[in-house]
Structure formats: C-alpha cells, structure tokens
Amino acid sequence: MAGARSEPLGLGARWRELRRAGAVYREPRIVAILFLGFASGLPLALTFGTLTFWLAEAGIDKTEIGLFALVGIAYGWKFIWAPVIDRLPLPLLTSLLGRRRGWILAWQLALIASILALGAADPAGSLAVTALLAVLVAFCSASQDIVIDAYRVELFEERLQGAGAAMIVIGYRIGMLVSGAGALLIAEQVSWFAAYAVMAALMLVGVATVLLSPEPEASALVRPASRLQPLAARLHEAVIEPFAEFFRRNGPATAVVILLFIMFYKLGDALLGVMANPFYVELGFSKTEIASVVKTFGLFATLAGGLVGGLLINARGILPALWICGLLQMLSNLTFAAQAYVGHNVSFLVVTIGLENLAGGMATAAFVAYLSSLCNVRFTATQYALLTSFMAQTRTVLASGSGVLAEHMDWISFFVFTTAAAAPALVLLWWLARRVVPAPIPAAAA
C-alpha cells in the first residue's frame, strides 16, 4: 500500500542482505586485486624490517642501520616520476598487454632481478653495494605501486571501489607478513640468499595475475603521449596537467582542504604507531607476547577490519564510511590509554589490539576508496601517487615528533592526545561533506 510503513528486516532477510553484500568478494577482478596487493606488499619488508635484522646479524652498527631508513624515500616521492609511467608506452609490452599491465609486468620483472641481487649481497663485506641494491628494490617497488594503484582505480566501477580498496589492503598486509616473518624463518633454517630468492620467486604470483587479468577499459581510452608532439607540450600534458586538473576540477580551496584532510586522517593512528613498541616494552610485555598478540592476532584483526570496511562502503557509500571509520579509529586510541592504566595484562592487550587494528583496517579501506574516487582516469597514476605521497608525510614528517611528546607526557596523556589529534581531520571531512565532491570521471568522458 502506498505510504505504508515498511516493516523492519527480519534476521533471515538481514542475513541474505549481508550475503549479497559479501558476494562482491567472489568477483574475479576483486580476487585479482588481492594477489596484486600481495605482490605490492611483498618487497616492503625486504628493504626495512627484514633487511635491518640481517644488517644487525652481520654486525653493522646501529647508526648505519638507522640510515637505512632513507632507503624508503622513494615511496614518499614517487609522484615525481609517476607522470612518465602514466603517459609513456613501453616498447612491445604496451602493445601486447596494454597501458597498465605492460608497466606492471616490467616493474615486477625488475623487482625479481633486484631482490635476487640484494639477497646475493654481503652487508659485512660491502655495505655500500647492499644499500644501493636496497634503494633499487625500493624504487622498483614504489614504481610498481604507482601502476597497481592506477590499475585498481580504473578497473572498478564506483560500487566496487570499496571492495577493491579492502582487498588491496589485505593482500598488502599478507605480502608484508610473508616477507617479514616468512623470510626470517627461511633465513634461520637455510640462508639469507635463500630467503630473498624465495621472495623473488613469490613475485611470480603477481606476474601470473597480470597475465591472467584484463586491461581496464578506461585505460584503453586514454591515448599515450605522442612522440610527434613538441617536448614542451608533452611535458605539460604529463607533468603539469594532472595537478592542474585536480585543482581545477575541485576548485583551489576545496583541493587544498582535500590535501589537508588526506594528511590528517591517519595522524592519530600514526602518532600512536611510532610509540607503540616503546610502550609495550615499558609495560614489560615480552617478545613472545608482542609477537603473538600484536603481530599475529593484530594482523587478523586488521584483515577483518579491511573486509568490514569494504562491506560498509558498499552498503553506505564512501563519505559515510569515512565518518564511521574515522570516529572508530579515533576512539580506538583510547583503548591504549586504558591499557596504560591497567598495565601488563595480556588479556587486556588482546582487547586493545583487537579494537585498534579492527578500526584501523576499516579506516584504511575507506581511506583508500576515497583516494581512488578523487582521481581522473586520464591521470590516474600521477594523481593517485600525489595523494598517497601526501598520506606518506603523515607517518614520516608529522609523526616524527611523537617521541618528544611521549617524553614529556605520561602514557595516558599521550594516548588521549593522539585521540584528539584525529579530530581536525573529522572537522575537515565535515567541511568537505557540505560540498559536492566530484565523483570519479567516467571512462566514457575520459
């Protein structure tokens, strides 16, 4: 009857609705993004945690090990060479596989070779060569990320962007776990070269995924840069226009607010993350307790959060999901304040890590989907690289002062401060939500 009040859904209807929403994760394209996320996350630990463990075991002093953090600078500055990857075709590979898949395969083959070379290095005998090869692996990895992110954004229509964001996060985390804990186990049982050789072989998962997956239709509609164009015109189209289009499409004021929001959305999480390990040590948690609860259980909580975040985006949309996940992410920091009050209590640590990582995984999925929605498919790789470079400043520059704050505060005050640090992003989100933020540029328009 017209105007009749709809009855609330029963339990059976709600379960069927949830199953329909969850069916998106069985979509072949979504599964492909899981494997590409794995290939994207795999190289990261090989130039960070795993490599620093190897260096320490080789007797390298702490000062030199600390300088190896600079190896990852490529991840924060990848937007500089993203225009080249976005616009230039590759001989043979572009014609065979397409604009995006050709570049992904090229960087994956480069990663396999560079990871093998790094594994064959001798840190004790030639630290400079080891550092140079680590920089090469990080550069190839950051470059692969540029194309995989562009591929994911262009592959999905808007309704699948949330699930795609969730799967890239889950695959990335699994890849980091394999190249972290997995590589250490192989190195302990066999050798460091064997560990890096196995990681290089696992990159073939990404290679197979590229060969079996389709090229995005949106990518085929964008013409690569022509060699017949004047050099100045090509440079303007590849380098200037992606950034100019972003500001032109959103308006200068809104574009600046978007970039500030991107920098601040994960600020509270980043401040907490830097000081989490010193906090565990000061409370007296053992390495075994940290490994089992923080690393292992925490990983599964993060993966679950990514899946829930994807379902939430699919059900409610990106902006509502950003609100919900942002609030949960902010409030979850208070569980660390409660942990500081309780002290050394493993059972409570399970609750703390479970809530914080679940909320963090949800927020990351929503955030990645939002970044994807901001890109014009004409310049996906360049614009997404720019946006994620702003995001990277949060966990590097903005979070670098967390140690100073923790030195001058007790732990409870510090974690309350990290909670408050998440509030500016929500204020900026409120400002953005009152304006019409453009949706992704349709493929046909590109």
Protein backbone atom coordinates (compact mmCIF):
# COMPACT_ATOMS: atom_id res chain seq x y z
CA MET A 1 0.00 0.00 0.00
CA ALA A 2 1.34 3.43 -0.90
CA GLY A 3 2.54 5.34 2.13
CA ALA A 4 2.52 2.22 4.34
CA ARG A 5 5.35 1.97 6.81
CA SER A 6 7.94 -0.61 5.80
CA GLU A 7 8.49 -3.40 8.29
CA PRO A 8 12.00 -3.83 9.76
CA LEU A 9 14.04 -6.60 8.21
CA GLY A 10 13.94 -9.92 10.00
CA LEU A 11 17.06 -11.89 10.89
CA GLY A 12 16.78 -14.08 7.79
CA ALA A 13 16.39 -11.07 5.49
CA ARG A 14 19.35 -9.31 7.09
CA TRP A 15 21.49 -12.43 6.63
CA ARG A 16 20.51 -12.62 2.93
CA GLU A 17 21.33 -8.92 2.53
CA LEU A 18 24.75 -9.46 4.17
CA ARG A 19 25.45 -12.44 1.89
CA ARG A 20 24.57 -10.34 -1.17
CA ALA A 21 26.93 -7.60 0.02
CA GLY A 22 29.69 -10.14 0.74
CA ALA A 23 29.33 -11.76 -2.68
CA VAL A 24 31.34 -8.87 -4.10
CA TYR A 25 34.49 -10.53 -2.70
CA ARG A 26 33.97 -13.50 -5.04
CA GLU A 27 34.17 -11.27 -8.12
CA PRO A 28 37.20 -12.43 -10.20
CA ARG A 29 38.51 -8.87 -10.57
CA ILE A 30 38.38 -8.38 -6.80
CA VAL A 31 40.33 -11.62 -6.25
CA ALA A 32 42.92 -10.45 -8.77
CA ILE A 33 43.45 -7.27 -6.74
CA LEU A 34 44.13 -9.43 -3.66
CA PHE A 35 47.05 -11.09 -5.46
CA LEU A 36 48.33 -7.78 -6.86
CA GLY A 37 48.17 -6.38 -3.31
CA PHE A 38 50.31 -9.32 -2.20
CA ALA A 39 52.89 -8.51 -4.91
CA SER A 40 52.79 -4.86 -3.84
CA GLY A 41 53.36 -5.54 -0.13
CA LEU A 42 55.97 -8.29 -0.52
CA PRO A 43 59.03 -6.10 -1.31
CA LEU A 44 58.45 -3.62 1.54
CA ALA A 45 59.88 -5.64 4.46
CA LEU A 46 62.81 -6.77 2.31
CA THR A 47 64.18 -3.22 2.46
CA PHE A 48 63.02 -2.42 6.01
CA GLY A 49 62.39 -4.86 8.87
CA THR A 50 63.89 -7.99 7.30
CA LEU A 51 66.90 -6.10 5.95
CA THR A 52 67.65 -4.34 9.26
CA PHE A 53 67.54 -7.71 11.05
CA TRP A 54 70.08 -9.04 8.52
CA LEU A 55 72.28 -5.98 8.99
CA ALA A 56 72.23 -6.34 12.78
CA GLU A 57 73.13 -10.02 12.50
CA ALA A 58 76.03 -9.06 10.19
CA GLY A 59 77.43 -6.78 12.89
CA ILE A 60 76.57 -3.43 11.31
CA ASP A 61 76.39 -0.67 13.95
CA LYS A 62 73.11 0.96 14.91
CA THR A 63 73.95 4.35 13.39
CA GLU A 64 74.43 2.84 9.94
CA ILE A 65 71.35 0.65 10.33
CA GLY A 66 69.32 3.75 11.20
CA LEU A 67 70.46 5.46 8.00
CA PHE A 68 68.94 2.59 6.02
CA ALA A 69 65.54 4.13 6.79
CA LEU A 70 66.37 6.57 3.96
CA VAL A 71 66.10 3.63 1.54
CA GLY A 72 62.33 4.07 1.59
CA ILE A 73 62.39 7.69 0.43
CA ALA A 74 61.15 6.52 -2.98
CA TYR A 75 57.72 5.75 -1.52
CA GLY A 76 57.23 9.37 -0.43
CA TRP A 77 58.44 10.96 -3.69
CA LYS A 78 57.06 8.58 -6.30
CA PHE A 79 54.77 11.28 -7.71
CA ILE A 80 57.86 12.82 -9.34
CA TRP A 81 58.29 10.01 -11.91
CA ALA A 82 54.63 8.90 -11.92
CA PRO A 83 53.87 11.09 -14.99
CA VAL A 84 56.38 9.09 -17.05
CA ILE A 85 54.69 5.81 -16.09
CA ASP A 86 51.26 7.35 -16.61
CA ARG A 87 51.82 8.64 -20.13
CA LEU A 88 54.67 6.84 -21.91
CA PRO A 89 54.13 3.48 -23.66
CA LEU A 90 56.61 0.63 -23.27
CA PRO A 91 58.00 -0.98 -26.42
CA LEU A 92 56.34 -4.35 -27.08
CA LEU A 93 54.78 -4.74 -23.60
CA THR A 94 52.21 -1.94 -24.08
CA SER A 95 51.07 -3.36 -27.43
CA LEU A 96 50.90 -6.91 -26.04
CA LEU A 97 49.35 -6.30 -22.60
CA GLY A 98 48.03 -2.76 -22.58
CA ARG A 99 48.98 0.51 -20.94
CA ARG A 100 48.74 -0.60 -17.29
CA ARG A 101 49.53 -4.32 -17.39
CA GLY A 102 52.63 -3.73 -19.52
CA TRP A 103 54.13 -1.37 -16.94
CA ILE A 104 53.17 -3.63 -14.00
CA LEU A 105 54.87 -6.63 -15.61
CA ALA A 106 58.00 -4.58 -16.38
CA TRP A 107 58.38 -3.48 -12.75
CA GLN A 108 57.67 -6.98 -11.46
CA LEU A 109 60.46 -8.44 -13.60
CA ALA A 110 62.76 -5.66 -12.39
CA LEU A 111 61.80 -6.48 -8.79
CA ILE A 112 62.58 -10.17 -9.22
CA ALA A 113 66.05 -9.33 -10.53
CA SER A 114 66.79 -6.66 -7.90
CA ILE A 115 65.55 -8.81 -4.98
CA LEU A 116 67.80 -11.65 -6.12
CA ALA A 117 70.74 -9.22 -6.38
CA LEU A 118 70.06 -7.86 -2.89
CA GLY A 119 69.92 -11.39 -1.49
CA ALA A 120 73.32 -12.14 -3.04
CA ALA A 121 74.89 -9.06 -1.42
CA ASP A 122 77.29 -9.19 1.53
CA PRO A 123 76.49 -6.41 4.05
CA ALA A 124 79.58 -7.10 6.13
CA GLY A 125 81.86 -7.02 3.08
CA SER A 126 80.29 -4.19 1.10
CA LEU A 127 77.64 -2.16 2.90
CA ALA A 128 77.53 0.47 0.15
CA VAL A 129 76.59 -2.12 -2.50
CA THR A 130 73.91 -3.52 -0.18
CA ALA A 131 72.49 -0.02 0.33
CA LEU A 132 72.48 0.68 -3.42
CA LEU A 133 70.64 -2.57 -4.17
CA ALA A 134 68.13 -1.86 -1.38
CA VAL A 135 67.45 1.56 -2.93
CA LEU A 136 66.93 -0.16 -6.29
CA VAL A 137 64.41 -2.62 -4.78
CA ALA A 138 62.54 0.23 -3.05
CA PHE A 139 62.46 2.28 -6.27
CA CYS A 140 61.08 -0.65 -8.30
CA SER A 141 58.58 -1.42 -5.54
CA ALA A 142 57.32 2.19 -5.34
CA SER A 143 57.06 2.28 -9.13
CA GLN A 144 55.07 -0.97 -9.15
CA ASP A 145 52.73 0.58 -6.56
CA ILE A 146 52.10 3.54 -8.87
CA VAL A 147 50.80 1.30 -11.65
CA ILE A 148 48.93 -1.20 -9.45
CA ASP A 149 47.05 1.65 -7.76
CA ALA A 150 46.16 3.15 -11.14
CA TYR A 151 45.11 -0.28 -12.44
CA ARG A 152 42.83 -0.86 -9.44
CA VAL A 153 41.16 2.54 -9.68
CA GLU A 154 40.49 2.14 -13.41
CA LEU A 155 39.39 -1.50 -13.19
CA PHE A 156 36.33 -0.97 -10.98
CA GLU A 157 33.11 0.98 -11.26
CA GLU A 158 32.22 3.05 -8.19
CA ARG A 159 30.21 0.31 -6.46
CA LEU A 160 33.27 -1.98 -6.37
CA GLN A 161 35.83 0.62 -5.23
CA GLY A 162 35.25 -0.21 -1.55
CA ALA A 163 35.81 -3.93 -2.03
CA GLY A 164 38.83 -3.23 -4.22
CA ALA A 165 40.31 -0.99 -1.52
CA ALA A 166 39.73 -3.67 1.12
CA MET A 167 41.39 -6.38 -0.96
CA ILE A 168 44.46 -4.31 -1.83
CA VAL A 169 44.96 -3.63 1.90
CA ILE A 170 44.52 -7.31 2.82
CA GLY A 171 46.85 -8.53 0.07
CA TYR A 172 49.45 -5.90 1.02
CA ARG A 173 49.41 -6.98 4.68
CA ILE A 174 49.76 -10.66 3.77
CA GLY A 175 52.69 -9.82 1.49
CA MET A 176 54.38 -7.90 4.32
CA LEU A 177 53.86 -10.84 6.70
CA VAL A 178 55.38 -13.31 4.24
CA SER A 179 58.45 -11.14 3.54
CA GLY A 180 58.80 -10.35 7.24
CA ALA A 181 58.19 -13.41 9.39
CA GLY A 182 58.43 -15.84 6.45
CA ALA A 183 61.78 -14.54 5.23
CA LEU A 184 63.24 -14.63 8.76
CA LEU A 185 62.23 -18.27 9.17
CA ILE A 186 63.83 -19.24 5.85
CA ALA A 187 67.00 -17.30 6.69
CA GLU A 188 67.24 -19.06 10.06
CA GLN A 189 66.81 -22.52 8.54
CA VAL A 190 68.80 -22.05 5.31
CA SER A 191 70.47 -18.71 4.45
CA TRP A 192 69.74 -15.08 3.71
CA PHE A 193 70.19 -15.63 -0.02
CA ALA A 194 67.63 -18.46 0.10
CA ALA A 195 65.18 -16.18 1.92
CA TYR A 196 65.48 -13.44 -0.71
CA ALA A 197 65.42 -15.98 -3.56
CA VAL A 198 62.13 -17.42 -2.30
CA MET A 199 60.68 -13.89 -2.01
CA ALA A 200 61.77 -13.17 -5.59
CA ALA A 201 60.06 -16.40 -6.73
CA LEU A 202 56.86 -15.38 -4.92
CA MET A 203 56.71 -12.26 -7.07
CA LEU A 204 55.63 -14.66 -9.83
CA VAL A 205 52.21 -14.62 -8.14
CA GLY A 206 51.91 -11.03 -9.33
CA VAL A 207 53.27 -11.89 -12.77
CA ALA A 208 50.65 -14.64 -13.24
CA THR A 209 47.90 -12.29 -12.05
CA VAL A 210 48.88 -9.65 -14.59
CA LEU A 211 48.93 -12.17 -17.44
CA LEU A 212 45.51 -13.59 -16.49
CA SER A 213 43.74 -10.29 -15.77
CA PRO A 214 42.06 -7.87 -18.19
CA GLU A 215 43.30 -4.40 -19.08
CA PRO A 216 40.90 -1.72 -17.73
CA GLU A 217 38.60 -0.30 -20.39
CA ALA A 218 39.25 3.21 -19.09
CA SER A 219 42.98 2.79 -19.69
CA ALA A 220 42.47 1.88 -23.34
CA LEU A 221 40.50 5.10 -23.90
CA VAL A 222 43.43 7.33 -22.88
CA ARG A 223 45.91 7.98 -25.65
CA PRO A 224 49.59 7.71 -24.68
CA ALA A 225 51.87 10.67 -25.28
CA SER A 226 52.85 11.02 -28.92
CA ARG A 227 56.49 11.36 -29.94
CA LEU A 228 55.32 13.80 -32.65
CA GLN A 229 54.20 16.35 -30.06
CA PRO A 230 56.66 19.12 -29.13
CA LEU A 231 58.61 18.31 -25.97
CA ALA A 232 57.09 21.25 -24.07
CA ALA A 233 53.57 20.06 -24.90
CA ARG A 234 54.36 16.52 -23.80
CA LEU A 235 55.86 17.74 -20.51
CA HIS A 236 52.84 19.97 -19.85
CA GLU A 237 50.40 17.12 -20.55
CA ALA A 238 52.31 14.57 -18.47
CA VAL A 239 53.56 16.68 -15.54
CA ILE A 240 51.57 19.91 -15.19
CA GLU A 241 48.09 18.94 -16.37
CA PRO A 242 47.42 16.13 -13.81
CA PHE A 243 47.98 18.53 -10.90
CA ALA A 244 46.27 21.47 -12.63
CA GLU A 245 43.23 19.30 -13.47
CA PHE A 246 42.90 18.17 -9.84
CA PHE A 247 42.80 21.79 -8.60
CA ARG A 248 40.61 22.94 -11.49
CA ARG A 249 38.05 20.15 -11.02
CA ASN A 250 37.72 20.56 -7.26
CA GLY A 251 38.36 24.29 -7.01
CA PRO A 252 41.51 25.67 -5.33
CA ALA A 253 40.03 26.00 -1.82
CA THR A 254 38.42 22.56 -1.81
CA ALA A 255 41.53 20.95 -3.31
CA VAL A 256 43.69 22.36 -0.52
CA VAL A 257 41.22 21.13 2.11
CA ILE A 258 41.21 17.67 0.48
CA LEU A 259 45.01 17.51 0.67
CA LEU A 260 44.99 18.64 4.32
CA PHE A 261 42.33 16.03 5.10
CA ILE A 262 44.50 13.35 3.47
CA MET A 263 47.44 14.38 5.65
CA PHE A 264 45.46 14.44 8.89
CA TYR A 265 43.04 11.49 8.56
CA LYS A 266 45.57 8.93 9.84
CA LEU A 267 47.55 11.34 12.07
CA GLY A 268 46.32 9.98 15.41
CA ASP A 269 46.99 6.46 14.22
CA ALA A 270 50.50 7.39 13.01
CA LEU A 271 51.46 9.14 16.27
CA LEU A 272 50.38 6.07 18.22
CA GLY A 273 52.07 3.63 15.86
CA VAL A 274 55.53 5.17 16.22
CA MET A 275 55.49 4.85 20.02
CA ALA A 276 53.61 1.53 20.30
CA ASN A 277 56.72 -0.67 20.65
CA PRO A 278 58.38 1.50 23.32
CA PHE A 279 55.05 1.42 25.16
CA TYR A 280 54.89 -2.39 25.09
CA VAL A 281 58.49 -2.65 26.31
CA GLU A 282 57.96 -0.16 29.14
CA LEU A 283 54.91 -2.09 30.34
CA GLY A 284 57.01 -5.27 30.45
CA PHE A 285 55.50 -7.28 27.61
CA SER A 286 57.85 -10.00 26.35
CA LYS A 287 58.88 -10.51 22.73
CA THR A 288 56.74 -13.65 22.62
CA GLU A 289 53.67 -11.79 23.90
CA ILE A 290 54.19 -8.98 21.41
CA ALA A 291 54.74 -11.41 18.53
CA SER A 292 51.66 -13.49 19.31
CA VAL A 293 49.23 -10.70 20.20
CA VAL A 294 50.41 -7.55 18.40
CA LYS A 295 51.87 -9.10 15.24
CA THR A 296 49.84 -12.27 14.65
CA PHE A 297 46.45 -11.59 16.23
CA GLY A 298 46.74 -7.93 15.23
CA LEU A 299 47.21 -8.88 11.58
CA PHE A 300 43.99 -10.92 11.53
CA ALA A 301 42.13 -8.07 13.24
CA THR A 302 43.40 -5.67 10.55
CA LEU A 303 42.34 -8.04 7.77
CA ALA A 304 38.89 -8.39 9.32
CA GLY A 305 38.67 -4.60 9.56
CA GLY A 306 39.51 -4.28 5.86
CA LEU A 307 36.71 -6.67 4.92
CA VAL A 308 34.19 -4.92 7.18
CA GLY A 309 35.27 -1.54 5.79
CA GLY A 310 34.69 -2.77 2.24
CA LEU A 311 31.20 -4.00 3.13
CA LEU A 312 30.42 -0.69 4.84
CA ILE A 313 31.47 1.30 1.77
CA ASN A 314 29.38 -0.98 -0.43
CA ALA A 315 26.35 -0.51 1.81
CA ARG A 316 26.59 3.17 2.82
CA GLY A 317 28.92 4.91 0.37
CA ILE A 318 32.42 6.35 0.74
CA LEU A 319 31.78 9.56 2.71
CA PRO A 320 29.53 7.93 5.36
CA ALA A 321 32.11 5.14 5.69
CA LEU A 322 34.86 7.74 6.21
CA TRP A 323 32.81 9.27 9.03
CA ILE A 324 32.03 5.99 10.77
CA CYS A 325 35.51 4.50 10.37
CA GLY A 326 37.21 7.78 11.28
CA LEU A 327 35.27 8.02 14.55
CA LEU A 328 36.00 4.38 15.41
CA GLN A 329 39.68 4.85 14.53
CA MET A 330 39.88 7.92 16.77
CA LEU A 331 38.10 6.31 19.74
CA SER A 332 40.14 3.11 19.47
CA ASN A 333 43.22 5.07 20.57
CA LEU A 334 41.59 5.41 23.98
CA THR A 335 41.97 1.65 24.47
CA PHE A 336 45.73 2.27 24.69
CA ALA A 337 45.10 4.82 27.43
CA ALA A 338 43.10 2.12 29.24
CA GLN A 339 45.97 -0.33 28.66
CA ALA A 340 48.38 2.16 30.23
CA TYR A 341 46.11 2.33 33.28
CA VAL A 342 45.74 -1.48 33.51
CA GLY A 343 49.45 -2.14 32.89
CA HIS A 344 50.94 -5.52 31.96
CA ASN A 345 47.86 -7.60 31.22
CA VAL A 346 47.94 -9.87 28.17
CA SER A 347 44.17 -10.44 28.14
CA PHE A 348 43.52 -6.72 28.05
CA LEU A 349 46.20 -6.33 25.36
CA VAL A 350 44.20 -8.71 23.16
CA VAL A 351 41.18 -6.41 23.54
CA THR A 352 43.29 -3.30 22.90
CA ILE A 353 44.96 -4.66 19.76
CA GLY A 354 41.73 -6.23 18.50
CA LEU A 355 39.75 -2.98 18.71
CA GLU A 356 42.54 -0.72 17.45
CA ASN A 357 43.51 -2.89 14.48
CA LEU A 358 39.89 -3.63 13.53
CA ALA A 359 39.10 0.10 13.45
CA GLY A 360 42.39 0.86 11.69
CA GLY A 361 41.70 -1.72 8.98
CA MET A 362 38.21 -0.32 8.41
CA ALA A 363 39.52 3.25 8.20
CA THR A 364 42.29 2.27 5.80
CA ALA A 365 39.82 0.58 3.42
CA ALA A 366 37.54 3.63 3.47
CA PHE A 367 40.50 5.98 3.02
CA VAL A 368 41.93 4.08 0.03
CA ALA A 369 38.48 4.04 -1.61
CA TYR A 370 38.19 7.81 -1.05
CA LEU A 371 41.61 8.47 -2.61
CA SER A 372 40.57 6.34 -5.58
CA SER A 373 37.40 8.40 -6.06
CA LEU A 374 39.44 11.60 -6.37
CA CYS A 375 41.33 10.50 -9.48
CA ASN A 376 40.58 11.38 -13.09
CA VAL A 377 41.21 8.28 -15.21
CA ARG A 378 43.17 10.42 -17.67
CA PHE A 379 45.86 10.85 -14.98
CA THR A 380 45.16 8.06 -12.51
CA ALA A 381 48.76 7.04 -11.79
CA THR A 382 50.06 10.59 -11.34
CA GLN A 383 47.15 11.87 -9.25
CA TYR A 384 46.99 8.79 -7.01
CA ALA A 385 50.76 8.95 -6.50
CA LEU A 386 50.41 12.60 -5.47
CA LEU A 387 47.62 11.82 -2.99
CA THR A 388 49.43 8.86 -1.41
CA SER A 389 52.61 10.94 -1.17
CA PHE A 390 50.67 13.44 0.97
CA MET A 391 49.45 10.50 3.04
CA ALA A 392 53.06 9.30 3.45
CA GLN A 393 54.03 12.62 5.03
CA THR A 394 51.78 11.73 7.98
CA ARG A 395 53.75 8.66 9.02
CA THR A 396 57.11 10.34 8.38
CA VAL A 397 57.22 14.10 8.92
CA LEU A 398 54.12 14.69 11.06
CA ALA A 399 54.62 11.59 13.24
CA SER A 400 58.32 12.25 13.81
CA GLY A 401 57.62 14.38 16.87
CA SER A 402 55.71 11.66 18.72
CA GLY A 403 58.81 10.67 20.69
CA VAL A 404 59.20 14.20 22.05
CA LEU A 405 55.55 14.24 23.11
CA ALA A 406 55.85 10.84 24.81
CA GLU A 407 58.97 12.02 26.68
CA HIS A 408 57.07 14.96 28.21
CA MET A 409 53.78 13.18 28.94
CA ASP A 410 52.70 10.10 30.83
CA TRP A 411 51.31 7.33 28.63
CA ILE A 412 47.66 8.01 29.42
CA SER A 413 48.00 11.69 28.48
CA PHE A 414 49.92 10.78 25.34
CA PHE A 415 47.23 8.41 24.05
CA VAL A 416 44.48 10.92 24.87
CA PHE A 417 46.48 13.44 22.83
CA THR A 418 46.69 11.01 19.87
CA THR A 419 42.91 10.65 20.09
CA ALA A 420 42.48 14.43 19.95
CA ALA A 421 44.94 14.60 17.02
CA ALA A 422 42.38 12.73 14.88
CA ALA A 423 39.71 15.42 15.42
CA PRO A 424 40.96 18.03 12.87
CA ALA A 425 40.53 15.52 10.04
CA LEU A 426 36.90 14.95 11.03
CA VAL A 427 36.31 18.73 11.05
CA LEU A 428 37.77 18.91 7.53
CA LEU A 429 35.60 15.95 6.49
CA TRP A 430 32.52 17.77 7.79
CA TRP A 431 33.53 20.79 5.66
CA LEU A 432 34.02 18.59 2.60
CA ALA A 433 30.75 16.71 3.13
CA ARG A 434 28.83 20.01 2.89
CA ARG A 435 30.19 20.49 -0.63
CA VAL A 436 29.70 18.27 -3.63
CA VAL A 437 32.99 16.41 -4.04
CA PRO A 438 33.20 15.25 -7.67
CA ALA A 439 32.77 11.55 -8.31
CA PRO A 440 35.31 9.63 -10.38
CA ILE A 441 35.48 10.77 -14.00
CA PRO A 442 33.50 8.21 -16.07
CA ALA A 443 35.52 6.15 -18.54
CA ALA A 444 33.43 7.43 -21.47
CA ALA A 445 34.19 11.05 -20.54
CA ALA A 446 37.90 10.30 -20.50
